[in-house]
Amino acid sequence: MTDFWTDRCVLVTGGAGFLGRAVVARLEAAGAGSVVVPRSHETDLRDKDATADLFARTRPDLVIHLAARVGGIGYNQVHPAELYLDNLLMGTYVVEAARSHDVAKTVLVGTVCSYPKEPPVPFHEESLWGGYPEETNAPYGIAKLAQLVHAQTVREQYGQNVIYLIPTNLYGPGDKFDPSVSHVIPALIKKCVDAIEAGADHIDLWGTGSASREFLYVDDAARGIVEAAEHYDDAEPVNLGTDHEMPIAELAKVIADATGFTGELRWDSSKPDGQPRRRVDNSRARTAFGFVADTPFEEGLKATVEWYRAHREEAERPAN
């Protein structure tokens, strides 16, 4: 523990969300002087004037930008324009407000969806510009990638301290289980639990199961973000990952076992798999600020399933 956070006012956009709550808890445990969590119904970060007013009122010393419009493959296919524009505007106005209000440091959290569809695995940060992202992720991924350009240009031109982090797929207690926006782990957990309750002998799953993903527990991601906010000050983007990937077919079996579902897993190959493989190289984070994810997947999954079963109404609440 250090006194870095003492007396600092930290503005956490998206601080009431899945990752945001974990980051806020980590900041409070680290002794932050105050943590400001704006709510979307009070401040629309897609509005330049509203965002500037938020910064003028709160006068933060450090900003962590987590607010985002996100969803799974199905949501991405239905809402590509909103995903692109909303994320682009929020990131743009947060960086500009931080600059105009002389915020000492801004932490932007990007997305692994910004990587090209099939870069060399594991994904090195230098591969970000190696091709177009997987099509269902592209609008969101490109909007987030534009924030990296913004961060690097304001650093070069104005000396603004902005860092850019890229966590891999997140999971954990507090995730979104509403089928319209959920990602693969909460979606599979819900399918299995619903099937058990309905006495179903099978569940239908999207794709072939051949794609693979890397999963980072939400508390590990929050720790990485807070450690980077304190210790990392360079222009280059930094992955946050676990250095391990799992095929979706294997993941489905692990989740079935964790929930107690014993029926058949039926794959619908007419549905998209998404990006073929996804695993990031975590070496830059490990070297730059000592980040290593330390939550075993089985332990994190067990906690996620238990949280879901205990908080069904909250977990399945429709997205705003």
C-alpha atoms as a PDB file:
ATOM      1  CA  MET A   1       0.000   0.000   0.000  1.00  0.00           C
ATOM      2  CA  THR A   2       1.142   3.538  -0.782  1.00  0.00           C
ATOM      3  CA  ASP A   3      -0.233   7.004  -0.140  1.00  0.00           C
ATOM      4  CA  PHE A   4      -0.696   7.661  -3.881  1.00  0.00           C
ATOM      5  CA  TRP A   5      -4.494   7.722  -3.585  1.00  0.00           C
ATOM      6  CA  THR A   6      -4.724   9.714  -0.382  1.00  0.00           C
ATOM      7  CA  ASP A   7      -6.643  12.978  -0.903  1.00  0.00           C
ATOM      8  CA  ARG A   8      -7.164  12.265  -4.627  1.00  0.00           C
ATOM      9  CA  CYS A   9     -10.578  12.784  -6.160  1.00  0.00           C
ATOM     10  CA  VAL A  10     -11.125  10.016  -8.718  1.00  0.00           C
ATOM     11  CA  LEU A  11     -13.881  10.228 -11.308  1.00  0.00           C
ATOM     12  CA  VAL A  12     -14.950   6.770 -12.502  1.00  0.00           C
ATOM     13  CA  THR A  13     -17.278   6.894 -15.490  1.00  0.00           C
ATOM     14  CA  GLY A  14     -19.296   3.700 -15.650  1.00  0.00           C
ATOM     15  CA  GLY A  15     -18.512   3.233 -11.958  1.00  0.00           C
ATOM     16  CA  ALA A  16     -21.947   1.738 -11.277  1.00  0.00           C
ATOM     17  CA  GLY A  17     -21.457  -0.983 -13.909  1.00  0.00           C
ATOM     18  CA  PHE A  18     -20.044  -4.495 -13.781  1.00  0.00           C
ATOM     19  CA  LEU A  19     -16.348  -3.598 -13.968  1.00  0.00           C
ATOM     20  CA  GLY A  20     -16.916  -0.155 -12.481  1.00  0.00           C
ATOM     21  CA  ARG A  21     -18.162  -1.442  -9.138  1.00  0.00           C
ATOM     22  CA  ALA A  22     -15.071  -3.607  -8.773  1.00  0.00           C
ATOM     23  CA  VAL A  23     -12.792  -0.667  -9.640  1.00  0.00           C
ATOM     24  CA  VAL A  24     -14.571   1.636  -7.174  1.00  0.00           C
ATOM     25  CA  ALA A  25     -14.230  -0.970  -4.420  1.00  0.00           C
ATOM     26  CA  ARG A  26     -10.518  -1.308  -5.201  1.00  0.00           C
ATOM     27  CA  LEU A  27     -10.030   2.481  -5.096  1.00  0.00           C
ATOM     28  CA  GLU A  28     -11.831   2.779  -1.780  1.00  0.00           C
ATOM     29  CA  ALA A  29      -9.722  -0.032  -0.342  1.00  0.00           C
ATOM     30  CA  ALA A  30      -6.593   1.776  -1.580  1.00  0.00           C
ATOM     31  CA  GLY A  31      -7.621   4.872   0.386  1.00  0.00           C
ATOM     32  CA  ALA A  32      -8.771   7.227  -2.370  1.00  0.00           C
ATOM     33  CA  GLY A  33      -9.789  10.577  -0.948  1.00  0.00           C
ATOM     34  CA  SER A  34     -13.095  10.518  -2.822  1.00  0.00           C
ATOM     35  CA  VAL A  35     -14.577   8.530  -5.686  1.00  0.00           C
ATOM     36  CA  VAL A  36     -17.147  10.182  -7.943  1.00  0.00           C
ATOM     37  CA  VAL A  37     -19.490   7.883  -9.874  1.00  0.00           C
ATOM     38  CA  PRO A  38     -21.690   9.795 -12.351  1.00  0.00           C
ATOM     39  CA  ARG A  39     -24.920   8.081 -13.377  1.00  0.00           C
ATOM     40  CA  SER A  40     -26.115   8.088 -16.983  1.00  0.00           C
ATOM     41  CA  HIS A  41     -29.521   9.536 -16.089  1.00  0.00           C
ATOM     42  CA  GLU A  42     -27.745  12.517 -14.504  1.00  0.00           C
ATOM     43  CA  THR A  43     -24.898  13.065 -16.986  1.00  0.00           C
ATOM     44  CA  ASP A  44     -25.020  12.019 -20.629  1.00  0.00           C
ATOM     45  CA  LEU A  45     -21.377  11.531 -21.582  1.00  0.00           C
ATOM     46  CA  ARG A  46     -22.390  11.596 -25.253  1.00  0.00           C
ATOM     47  CA  ASP A  47     -23.105  15.293 -24.746  1.00  0.00           C
ATOM     48  CA  LYS A  48     -20.073  17.581 -24.828  1.00  0.00           C
ATOM     49  CA  ASP A  49     -21.531  20.288 -22.588  1.00  0.00           C
ATOM     50  CA  ALA A  50     -22.889  17.813 -20.034  1.00  0.00           C
ATOM     51  CA  THR A  51     -19.504  16.114 -19.816  1.00  0.00           C
ATOM     52  CA  ALA A  52     -17.689  19.422 -19.410  1.00  0.00           C
ATOM     53  CA  ASP A  53     -20.125  20.429 -16.664  1.00  0.00           C
ATOM     54  CA  LEU A  54     -19.449  17.161 -14.820  1.00  0.00           C
ATOM     55  CA  PHE A  55     -15.712  17.888 -14.785  1.00  0.00           C
ATOM     56  CA  ALA A  56     -16.271  21.493 -13.739  1.00  0.00           C
ATOM     57  CA  ARG A  57     -18.422  20.390 -10.788  1.00  0.00           C
ATOM     58  CA  THR A  58     -16.293  17.502  -9.559  1.00  0.00           C
ATOM     59  CA  ARG A  59     -12.759  18.731 -10.351  1.00  0.00           C
ATOM     60  CA  PRO A  60     -11.177  15.260 -10.389  1.00  0.00           C
ATOM     61  CA  ASP A  61      -7.452  14.647  -9.970  1.00  0.00           C
ATOM     62  CA  LEU A  62      -7.639  11.400 -11.938  1.00  0.00           C
ATOM     63  CA  VAL A  63     -10.220   9.913 -14.316  1.00  0.00           C
ATOM     64  CA  ILE A  64     -10.879   6.248 -15.097  1.00  0.00           C
ATOM     65  CA  HIS A  65     -13.136   5.990 -18.142  1.00  0.00           C
ATOM     66  CA  LEU A  66     -15.130   2.756 -18.059  1.00  0.00           C
ATOM     67  CA  ALA A  67     -18.497   3.928 -19.383  1.00  0.00           C
ATOM     68  CA  ALA A  68     -19.382   2.063 -22.556  1.00  0.00           C
ATOM     69  CA  ARG A  69     -22.245   0.675 -24.558  1.00  0.00           C
ATOM     70  CA  VAL A  70     -21.583  -3.050 -24.924  1.00  0.00           C
ATOM     71  CA  GLY A  71     -23.278  -6.345 -25.746  1.00  0.00           C
ATOM     72  CA  GLY A  72     -22.786  -9.846 -27.059  1.00  0.00           C
ATOM     73  CA  ILE A  73     -22.752 -11.010 -30.679  1.00  0.00           C
ATOM     74  CA  GLY A  74     -26.530 -10.776 -31.101  1.00  0.00           C
ATOM     75  CA  TYR A  75     -26.674  -7.260 -29.668  1.00  0.00           C
ATOM     76  CA  ASN A  76     -23.738  -6.186 -31.816  1.00  0.00           C
ATOM     77  CA  GLN A  77     -25.523  -7.347 -34.966  1.00  0.00           C
ATOM     78  CA  VAL A  78     -28.672  -5.361 -34.160  1.00  0.00           C
ATOM     79  CA  HIS A  79     -27.076  -2.128 -32.846  1.00  0.00           C
ATOM     80  CA  PRO A  80     -23.819  -1.492 -34.757  1.00  0.00           C
ATOM     81  CA  ALA A  81     -24.431   2.228 -35.315  1.00  0.00           C
ATOM     82  CA  GLU A  82     -25.224   2.998 -31.669  1.00  0.00           C
ATOM     83  CA  LEU A  83     -22.246   0.951 -30.518  1.00  0.00           C
ATOM     84  CA  TYR A  84     -19.929   2.928 -32.755  1.00  0.00           C
ATOM     85  CA  LEU A  85     -21.293   6.424 -32.147  1.00  0.00           C
ATOM     86  CA  ASP A  86     -22.048   6.225 -28.435  1.00  0.00           C
ATOM     87  CA  ASN A  87     -18.636   4.825 -27.545  1.00  0.00           C
ATOM     88  CA  LEU A  88     -16.817   7.240 -29.839  1.00  0.00           C
ATOM     89  CA  LEU A  89     -18.579  10.281 -28.374  1.00  0.00           C
ATOM     90  CA  MET A  90     -18.164   9.243 -24.748  1.00  0.00           C
ATOM     91  CA  GLY A  91     -14.441   8.644 -25.106  1.00  0.00           C
ATOM     92  CA  THR A  92     -13.894  11.816 -27.113  1.00  0.00           C
ATOM     93  CA  TYR A  93     -15.697  14.107 -24.691  1.00  0.00           C
ATOM     94  CA  VAL A  94     -14.126  12.553 -21.589  1.00  0.00           C
ATOM     95  CA  VAL A  95     -10.590  13.035 -22.946  1.00  0.00           C
ATOM     96  CA  GLU A  96     -11.337  16.594 -24.040  1.00  0.00           C
ATOM     97  CA  ALA A  97     -12.949  17.513 -20.730  1.00  0.00           C
ATOM     98  CA  ALA A  98      -9.973  16.060 -18.874  1.00  0.00           C
ATOM     99  CA  ARG A  99      -7.632  18.163 -21.007  1.00  0.00           C
ATOM    100  CA  SER A 100      -9.557  21.413 -20.629  1.00  0.00           C
ATOM    101  CA  HIS A 101      -9.869  20.940 -16.858  1.00  0.00           C
ATOM    102  CA  ASP A 102      -6.198  20.041 -16.349  1.00  0.00           C
ATOM    103  CA  VAL A 103      -6.824  16.564 -14.979  1.00  0.00           C
ATOM    104  CA  ALA A 104      -3.466  15.116 -13.971  1.00  0.00           C
ATOM    105  CA  LYS A 105      -4.100  11.659 -15.443  1.00  0.00           C
ATOM    106  CA  THR A 106      -6.747   9.859 -17.474  1.00  0.00           C
ATOM    107  CA  VAL A 107      -7.085   6.074 -17.767  1.00  0.00           C
ATOM    108  CA  LEU A 108      -8.939   4.830 -20.844  1.00  0.00           C
ATOM    109  CA  VAL A 109     -10.136   1.231 -20.863  1.00  0.00           C
ATOM    110  CA  GLY A 110     -10.385  -0.161 -24.369  1.00  0.00           C
ATOM    111  CA  THR A 111     -11.472  -3.559 -25.626  1.00  0.00           C
ATOM    112  CA  VAL A 112      -9.945  -6.737 -27.004  1.00  0.00           C
ATOM    113  CA  CYS A 113     -12.574  -6.405 -29.754  1.00  0.00           C
ATOM    114  CA  SER A 114     -10.315  -3.772 -31.352  1.00  0.00           C
ATOM    115  CA  TYR A 115      -7.800  -6.391 -32.466  1.00  0.00           C
ATOM    116  CA  PRO A 116      -7.877  -7.654 -36.064  1.00  0.00           C
ATOM    117  CA  LYS A 117      -9.982 -10.713 -36.783  1.00  0.00           C
ATOM    118  CA  GLU A 118      -7.047 -13.110 -36.926  1.00  0.00           C
ATOM    119  CA  PRO A 119      -3.834 -11.590 -35.533  1.00  0.00           C
ATOM    120  CA  PRO A 120      -0.965 -13.784 -34.345  1.00  0.00           C
ATOM    121  CA  VAL A 121      -1.848 -15.459 -31.034  1.00  0.00           C
ATOM    122  CA  PRO A 122      -1.230 -14.330 -28.357  1.00  0.00           C
ATOM    123  CA  PHE A 123      -2.275 -10.809 -29.332  1.00  0.00           C
ATOM    124  CA  HIS A 124       0.595  -8.351 -28.927  1.00  0.00           C
ATOM    125  CA  GLU A 125      -0.271  -4.674 -28.621  1.00  0.00           C
ATOM    126  CA  GLU A 126       1.639  -3.969 -31.842  1.00  0.00           C
ATOM    127  CA  SER A 127      -0.954  -6.059 -33.729  1.00  0.00           C
ATOM    128  CA  LEU A 128      -3.771  -3.578 -33.088  1.00  0.00           C
ATOM    129  CA  TRP A 129      -3.225  -1.989 -36.517  1.00  0.00           C
ATOM    130  CA  GLY A 130      -2.716  -5.263 -38.391  1.00  0.00           C
ATOM    131  CA  GLY A 131      -6.190  -5.550 -39.914  1.00  0.00           C
ATOM    132  CA  TYR A 132      -9.944  -5.043 -39.585  1.00  0.00           C
ATOM    133  CA  PRO A 133     -11.644  -6.417 -36.446  1.00  0.00           C
ATOM    134  CA  GLU A 134     -14.027  -9.378 -36.540  1.00  0.00           C
ATOM    135  CA  GLU A 135     -17.164  -8.073 -38.253  1.00  0.00           C
ATOM    136  CA  THR A 136     -19.646  -8.436 -35.383  1.00  0.00           C
ATOM    137  CA  ASN A 137     -17.242  -6.593 -33.049  1.00  0.00           C
ATOM    138  CA  ALA A 138     -15.916  -3.994 -35.492  1.00  0.00           C
ATOM    139  CA  PRO A 139     -18.103  -0.917 -34.790  1.00  0.00           C
ATOM    140  CA  TYR A 140     -17.473  -1.135 -31.051  1.00  0.00           C
ATOM    141  CA  GLY A 141     -13.828  -2.104 -31.459  1.00  0.00           C
ATOM    142  CA  ILE A 142     -13.010   0.704 -33.880  1.00  0.00           C
ATOM    143  CA  ALA A 143     -14.731   3.319 -31.733  1.00  0.00           C
ATOM    144  CA  LYS A 144     -12.572   2.235 -28.811  1.00  0.00           C
ATOM    145  CA  LEU A 145      -9.440   2.114 -30.964  1.00  0.00           C
ATOM    146  CA  ALA A 146     -10.058   5.731 -31.967  1.00  0.00           C
ATOM    147  CA  GLN A 147      -9.666   6.601 -28.283  1.00  0.00           C
ATOM    148  CA  LEU A 148      -6.127   5.224 -28.387  1.00  0.00           C
ATOM    149  CA  VAL A 149      -5.334   7.581 -31.268  1.00  0.00           C
ATOM    150  CA  HIS A 150      -6.899  10.442 -29.325  1.00  0.00           C
ATOM    151  CA  ALA A 151      -4.880   9.575 -26.228  1.00  0.00           C
ATOM    152  CA  GLN A 152      -1.590   9.425 -28.081  1.00  0.00           C
ATOM    153  CA  THR A 153      -2.159  12.653 -30.018  1.00  0.00           C
ATOM    154  CA  VAL A 154      -3.096  14.743 -26.967  1.00  0.00           C
ATOM    155  CA  ARG A 155      -0.086  13.328 -25.164  1.00  0.00           C
ATOM    156  CA  GLU A 156       2.156  14.356 -28.059  1.00  0.00           C
ATOM    157  CA  GLN A 157       0.629  17.779 -28.679  1.00  0.00           C
ATOM    158  CA  TYR A 158      -0.412  18.903 -25.189  1.00  0.00           C
ATOM    159  CA  GLY A 159       1.564  16.678 -22.824  1.00  0.00           C
ATOM    160  CA  GLN A 160      -1.698  15.241 -21.476  1.00  0.00           C
ATOM    161  CA  ASN A 161      -1.125  12.100 -19.419  1.00  0.00           C
ATOM    162  CA  VAL A 162      -3.540   9.524 -20.846  1.00  0.00           C
ATOM    163  CA  ILE A 163      -2.939   5.783 -20.655  1.00  0.00           C
ATOM    164  CA  TYR A 164      -4.814   3.045 -22.512  1.00  0.00           C
ATOM    165  CA  LEU A 165      -5.545  -0.447 -21.193  1.00  0.00           C
ATOM    166  CA  ILE A 166      -7.017  -3.451 -23.035  1.00  0.00           C
ATOM    167  CA  PRO A 167      -8.595  -6.067 -20.777  1.00  0.00           C
ATOM    168  CA  THR A 168      -9.576  -9.366 -22.334  1.00  0.00           C
ATOM    169  CA  ASN A 169     -13.068 -10.901 -21.882  1.00  0.00           C
ATOM    170  CA  LEU A 170     -14.326 -10.277 -18.354  1.00  0.00           C
ATOM    171  CA  TYR A 171     -16.537 -12.414 -16.134  1.00  0.00           C
ATOM    172  CA  GLY A 172     -17.548 -12.563 -12.493  1.00  0.00           C
ATOM    173  CA  PRO A 173     -20.239 -11.678  -9.960  1.00  0.00           C
ATOM    174  CA  GLY A 174     -22.268  -8.659 -11.042  1.00  0.00           C
ATOM    175  CA  ASP A 175     -22.116  -9.486 -14.756  1.00  0.00           C
ATOM    176  CA  LYS A 176     -25.099  -8.914 -17.078  1.00  0.00           C
ATOM    177  CA  PHE A 177     -27.307 -11.962 -17.626  1.00  0.00           C
ATOM    178  CA  ASP A 178     -30.004 -10.300 -19.729  1.00  0.00           C
ATOM    179  CA  PRO A 179     -29.892 -12.327 -22.983  1.00  0.00           C
ATOM    180  CA  SER A 180     -30.068  -9.191 -25.132  1.00  0.00           C
ATOM    181  CA  VAL A 181     -26.634  -7.998 -23.940  1.00  0.00           C
ATOM    182  CA  SER A 182     -24.927 -10.862 -22.100  1.00  0.00           C
ATOM    183  CA  HIS A 183     -21.567 -12.267 -23.129  1.00  0.00           C
ATOM    184  CA  VAL A 184     -20.696 -15.936 -23.384  1.00  0.00           C
ATOM    185  CA  ILE A 185     -20.157 -16.930 -19.733  1.00  0.00           C
ATOM    186  CA  PRO A 186     -23.323 -15.356 -18.263  1.00  0.00           C
ATOM    187  CA  ALA A 187     -25.294 -16.476 -21.328  1.00  0.00           C
ATOM    188  CA  LEU A 188     -24.205 -20.096 -20.844  1.00  0.00           C
ATOM    189  CA  ILE A 189     -24.805 -20.016 -17.097  1.00  0.00           C
ATOM    190  CA  LYS A 190     -28.339 -18.728 -17.612  1.00  0.00           C
ATOM    191  CA  LYS A 191     -29.089 -21.303 -20.309  1.00  0.00           C
ATOM    192  CA  CYS A 192     -27.944 -24.139 -18.061  1.00  0.00           C
ATOM    193  CA  VAL A 193     -29.797 -22.929 -14.961  1.00  0.00           C
ATOM    194  CA  ASP A 194     -32.993 -22.285 -16.943  1.00  0.00           C
ATOM    195  CA  ALA A 195     -32.767 -25.746 -18.507  1.00  0.00           C
ATOM    196  CA  ILE A 196     -32.353 -27.394 -15.099  1.00  0.00           C
ATOM    197  CA  GLU A 197     -35.387 -25.571 -13.762  1.00  0.00           C
ATOM    198  CA  ALA A 198     -37.455 -26.454 -16.851  1.00  0.00           C
ATOM    199  CA  GLY A 199     -36.363 -30.095 -16.828  1.00  0.00           C
ATOM    200  CA  ALA A 200     -35.012 -29.724 -20.376  1.00  0.00           C
ATOM    201  CA  ASP A 201     -32.792 -32.443 -21.820  1.00  0.00           C
ATOM    202  CA  HIS A 202     -30.710 -30.108 -24.004  1.00  0.00           C
ATOM    203  CA  ILE A 203     -29.697 -26.513 -24.623  1.00  0.00           C
ATOM    204  CA  ASP A 204     -29.094 -24.816 -27.968  1.00  0.00           C
ATOM    205  CA  LEU A 205     -25.818 -22.929 -28.369  1.00  0.00           C
ATOM    206  CA  TRP A 206     -24.607 -20.504 -31.013  1.00  0.00           C
ATOM    207  CA  GLY A 207     -21.852 -21.452 -33.444  1.00  0.00           C
ATOM    208  CA  THR A 208     -19.699 -24.546 -33.606  1.00  0.00           C
ATOM    209  CA  GLY A 209     -17.901 -24.274 -30.269  1.00  0.00           C
ATOM    210  CA  SER A 210     -14.551 -24.167 -32.051  1.00  0.00           C
ATOM    211  CA  ALA A 211     -13.741 -20.538 -31.240  1.00  0.00           C
ATOM    212  CA  SER A 212     -11.628 -19.901 -28.156  1.00  0.00           C
ATOM    213  CA  ARG A 213     -11.605 -17.120 -25.586  1.00  0.00           C
ATOM    214  CA  GLU A 214      -9.488 -15.864 -22.712  1.00  0.00           C
ATOM    215  CA  PHE A 215     -11.350 -14.900 -19.545  1.00  0.00           C
ATOM    216  CA  LEU A 216     -10.235 -12.409 -16.896  1.00  0.00           C
ATOM    217  CA  TYR A 217     -11.973 -12.313 -13.509  1.00  0.00           C
ATOM    218  CA  VAL A 218     -13.485  -8.902 -12.836  1.00  0.00           C
ATOM    219  CA  ASP A 219     -11.622  -8.333  -9.557  1.00  0.00           C
ATOM    220  CA  ASP A 220      -8.308  -9.114 -11.256  1.00  0.00           C
ATOM    221  CA  ALA A 221      -9.158  -6.625 -14.016  1.00  0.00           C
ATOM    222  CA  ALA A 222     -10.022  -3.966 -11.447  1.00  0.00           C
ATOM    223  CA  ARG A 223      -6.724  -4.520  -9.660  1.00  0.00           C
ATOM    224  CA  GLY A 224      -4.842  -4.205 -12.948  1.00  0.00           C
ATOM    225  CA  ILE A 225      -6.591  -0.947 -13.798  1.00  0.00           C
ATOM    226  CA  VAL A 226      -5.894   0.607 -10.407  1.00  0.00           C
ATOM    227  CA  GLU A 227      -2.261  -0.565 -10.444  1.00  0.00           C
ATOM    228  CA  ALA A 228      -1.796   0.916 -13.930  1.00  0.00           C
ATOM    229  CA  ALA A 229      -3.409   4.178 -12.838  1.00  0.00           C
ATOM    230  CA  GLU A 230      -0.810   4.468 -10.098  1.00  0.00           C
ATOM    231  CA  HIS A 231       2.299   3.090 -11.804  1.00  0.00           C
ATOM    232  CA  TYR A 232       1.997   3.330 -15.618  1.00  0.00           C
ATOM    233  CA  ASP A 233       2.508   6.585 -17.512  1.00  0.00           C
ATOM    234  CA  ASP A 234       3.519   5.663 -21.069  1.00  0.00           C
ATOM    235  CA  ALA A 235       1.823   6.188 -24.424  1.00  0.00           C
ATOM    236  CA  GLU A 236       1.760   2.547 -25.531  1.00  0.00           C
ATOM    237  CA  PRO A 237      -1.402   0.485 -24.957  1.00  0.00           C
ATOM    238  CA  VAL A 238      -1.270  -2.367 -22.446  1.00  0.00           C
ATOM    239  CA  ASN A 239      -3.124  -5.689 -22.468  1.00  0.00           C
ATOM    240  CA  LEU A 240      -4.585  -7.144 -19.281  1.00  0.00           C
ATOM    241  CA  GLY A 241      -5.007 -10.898 -19.515  1.00  0.00           C
ATOM    242  CA  THR A 242      -4.315 -14.322 -18.071  1.00  0.00           C
ATOM    243  CA  ASP A 243      -2.132 -15.891 -20.798  1.00  0.00           C
ATOM    244  CA  HIS A 244      -4.655 -18.738 -21.145  1.00  0.00           C
ATOM    245  CA  GLU A 245      -7.476 -19.448 -23.623  1.00  0.00           C
ATOM    246  CA  MET A 246     -10.282 -21.998 -23.675  1.00  0.00           C
ATOM    247  CA  PRO A 247     -12.346 -23.361 -26.597  1.00  0.00           C
ATOM    248  CA  ILE A 248     -16.025 -22.415 -26.258  1.00  0.00           C
ATOM    249  CA  ALA A 249     -17.021 -26.091 -26.526  1.00  0.00           C
ATOM    250  CA  GLU A 250     -14.846 -26.854 -23.497  1.00  0.00           C
ATOM    251  CA  LEU A 251     -16.181 -23.782 -21.696  1.00  0.00           C
ATOM    252  CA  ALA A 252     -19.765 -24.951 -22.227  1.00  0.00           C
ATOM    253  CA  LYS A 253     -18.951 -28.331 -20.644  1.00  0.00           C
ATOM    254  CA  VAL A 254     -17.227 -26.673 -17.680  1.00  0.00           C
ATOM    255  CA  ILE A 255     -20.221 -24.394 -17.104  1.00  0.00           C
ATOM    256  CA  ALA A 256     -22.650 -27.298 -17.451  1.00  0.00           C
ATOM    257  CA  ASP A 257     -20.707 -29.132 -14.733  1.00  0.00           C
ATOM    258  CA  ALA A 258     -20.544 -26.030 -12.530  1.00  0.00           C
ATOM    259  CA  THR A 259     -24.307 -25.517 -12.713  1.00  0.00           C
ATOM    260  CA  GLY A 260     -25.259 -29.195 -12.537  1.00  0.00           C
ATOM    261  CA  PHE A 261     -26.772 -29.398 -16.021  1.00  0.00           C
ATOM    262  CA  THR A 262     -26.422 -32.924 -17.430  1.00  0.00           C
ATOM    263  CA  GLY A 263     -28.288 -32.603 -20.729  1.00  0.00           C
ATOM    264  CA  GLU A 264     -27.063 -32.375 -24.313  1.00  0.00           C
ATOM    265  CA  LEU A 265     -25.208 -29.365 -25.716  1.00  0.00           C
ATOM    266  CA  ARG A 266     -26.499 -28.749 -29.254  1.00  0.00           C
ATOM    267  CA  TRP A 267     -24.501 -26.392 -31.471  1.00  0.00           C
ATOM    268  CA  ASP A 268     -26.196 -24.295 -34.173  1.00  0.00           C
ATOM    269  CA  SER A 269     -23.571 -23.761 -36.869  1.00  0.00           C
ATOM    270  CA  SER A 270     -25.848 -21.310 -38.720  1.00  0.00           C
ATOM    271  CA  LYS A 271     -25.030 -18.797 -35.958  1.00  0.00           C
ATOM    272  CA  PRO A 272     -21.696 -16.949 -35.881  1.00  0.00           C
ATOM    273  CA  ASP A 273     -18.730 -18.034 -33.776  1.00  0.00           C
ATOM    274  CA  GLY A 274     -17.282 -14.533 -33.639  1.00  0.00           C
ATOM    275  CA  GLN A 275     -13.523 -14.086 -33.597  1.00  0.00           C
ATOM    276  CA  PRO A 276     -11.807 -17.486 -34.132  1.00  0.00           C
ATOM    277  CA  ARG A 277      -9.300 -17.165 -31.261  1.00  0.00           C
ATOM    278  CA  ARG A 278      -8.676 -14.654 -28.513  1.00  0.00           C
ATOM    279  CA  ARG A 279      -5.747 -14.566 -26.109  1.00  0.00           C
ATOM    280  CA  VAL A 280      -3.645 -11.537 -25.299  1.00  0.00           C
ATOM    281  CA  ASP A 281       0.021 -11.256 -24.379  1.00  0.00           C
ATOM    282  CA  ASN A 282       0.140  -9.951 -20.804  1.00  0.00           C
ATOM    283  CA  SER A 283       3.918  -9.449 -20.691  1.00  0.00           C
ATOM    284  CA  ARG A 284       3.869  -5.643 -21.022  1.00  0.00           C
ATOM    285  CA  ALA A 285       1.552  -5.295 -18.005  1.00  0.00           C
ATOM    286  CA  ARG A 286       3.635  -7.760 -16.033  1.00  0.00           C
ATOM    287  CA  THR A 287       6.841  -5.851 -16.784  1.00  0.00           C
ATOM    288  CA  ALA A 288       5.472  -2.306 -16.534  1.00  0.00           C
ATOM    289  CA  PHE A 289       3.480  -2.532 -13.296  1.00  0.00           C
ATOM    290  CA  GLY A 290       3.658  -6.122 -12.087  1.00  0.00           C
ATOM    291  CA  PHE A 291       0.178  -7.222 -13.107  1.00  0.00           C
ATOM    292  CA  VAL A 292      -0.512 -10.965 -12.956  1.00  0.00           C
ATOM    293  CA  ALA A 293      -4.058 -12.344 -12.785  1.00  0.00           C
ATOM    294  CA  ASP A 294      -4.301 -14.682  -9.798  1.00  0.00           C
ATOM    295  CA  THR A 295      -7.909 -15.957  -9.680  1.00  0.00           C
ATOM    296  CA  PRO A 296      -8.172 -19.592 -10.877  1.00  0.00           C
ATOM    297  CA  PHE A 297     -10.920 -19.919 -13.491  1.00  0.00           C
ATOM    298  CA  GLU A 298     -12.789 -22.640 -11.587  1.00  0.00           C
ATOM    299  CA  GLU A 299     -12.855 -20.456  -8.470  1.00  0.00           C
ATOM    300  CA  GLY A 300     -14.060 -17.392 -10.377  1.00  0.00           C
ATOM    301  CA  LEU A 301     -16.708 -19.389 -12.229  1.00  0.00           C
ATOM    302  CA  LYS A 302     -18.020 -20.906  -8.993  1.00  0.00           C
ATOM    303  CA  ALA A 303     -18.372 -17.422  -7.478  1.00  0.00           C
ATOM    304  CA  THR A 304     -20.167 -16.200 -10.620  1.00  0.00           C
ATOM    305  CA  VAL A 305     -22.672 -19.071 -10.630  1.00  0.00           C
ATOM    306  CA  GLU A 306     -23.364 -18.633  -6.915  1.00  0.00           C
ATOM    307  CA  TRP A 307     -23.874 -14.888  -7.334  1.00  0.00           C
ATOM    308  CA  TYR A 308     -26.270 -15.420 -10.250  1.00  0.00           C
ATOM    309  CA  ARG A 309     -28.399 -17.909  -8.360  1.00  0.00           C
ATOM    310  CA  ALA A 310     -28.583 -15.563  -5.365  1.00  0.00           C
ATOM    311  CA  HIS A 311     -29.330 -12.423  -7.421  1.00  0.00           C
ATOM    312  CA  ARG A 312     -31.508 -13.568 -10.305  1.00  0.00           C
ATOM    313  CA  GLU A 313     -33.687 -10.457 -10.507  1.00  0.00           C
ATOM    314  CA  GLU A 314     -30.734  -8.066 -10.452  1.00  0.00           C
ATOM    315  CA  ALA A 315     -28.662 -10.199 -12.817  1.00  0.00           C
ATOM    316  CA  GLU A 316     -31.389 -10.461 -15.455  1.00  0.00           C
ATOM    317  CA  ARG A 317     -32.546  -6.853 -15.262  1.00  0.00           C
ATOM    318  CA  PRO A 318     -32.878  -5.496 -18.834  1.00  0.00           C
ATOM    319  CA  ALA A 319     -30.194  -3.074 -19.944  1.00  0.00           C
ATOM    320  CA  ASN A 320     -31.138   0.590 -20.098  1.00  0.00           C
END
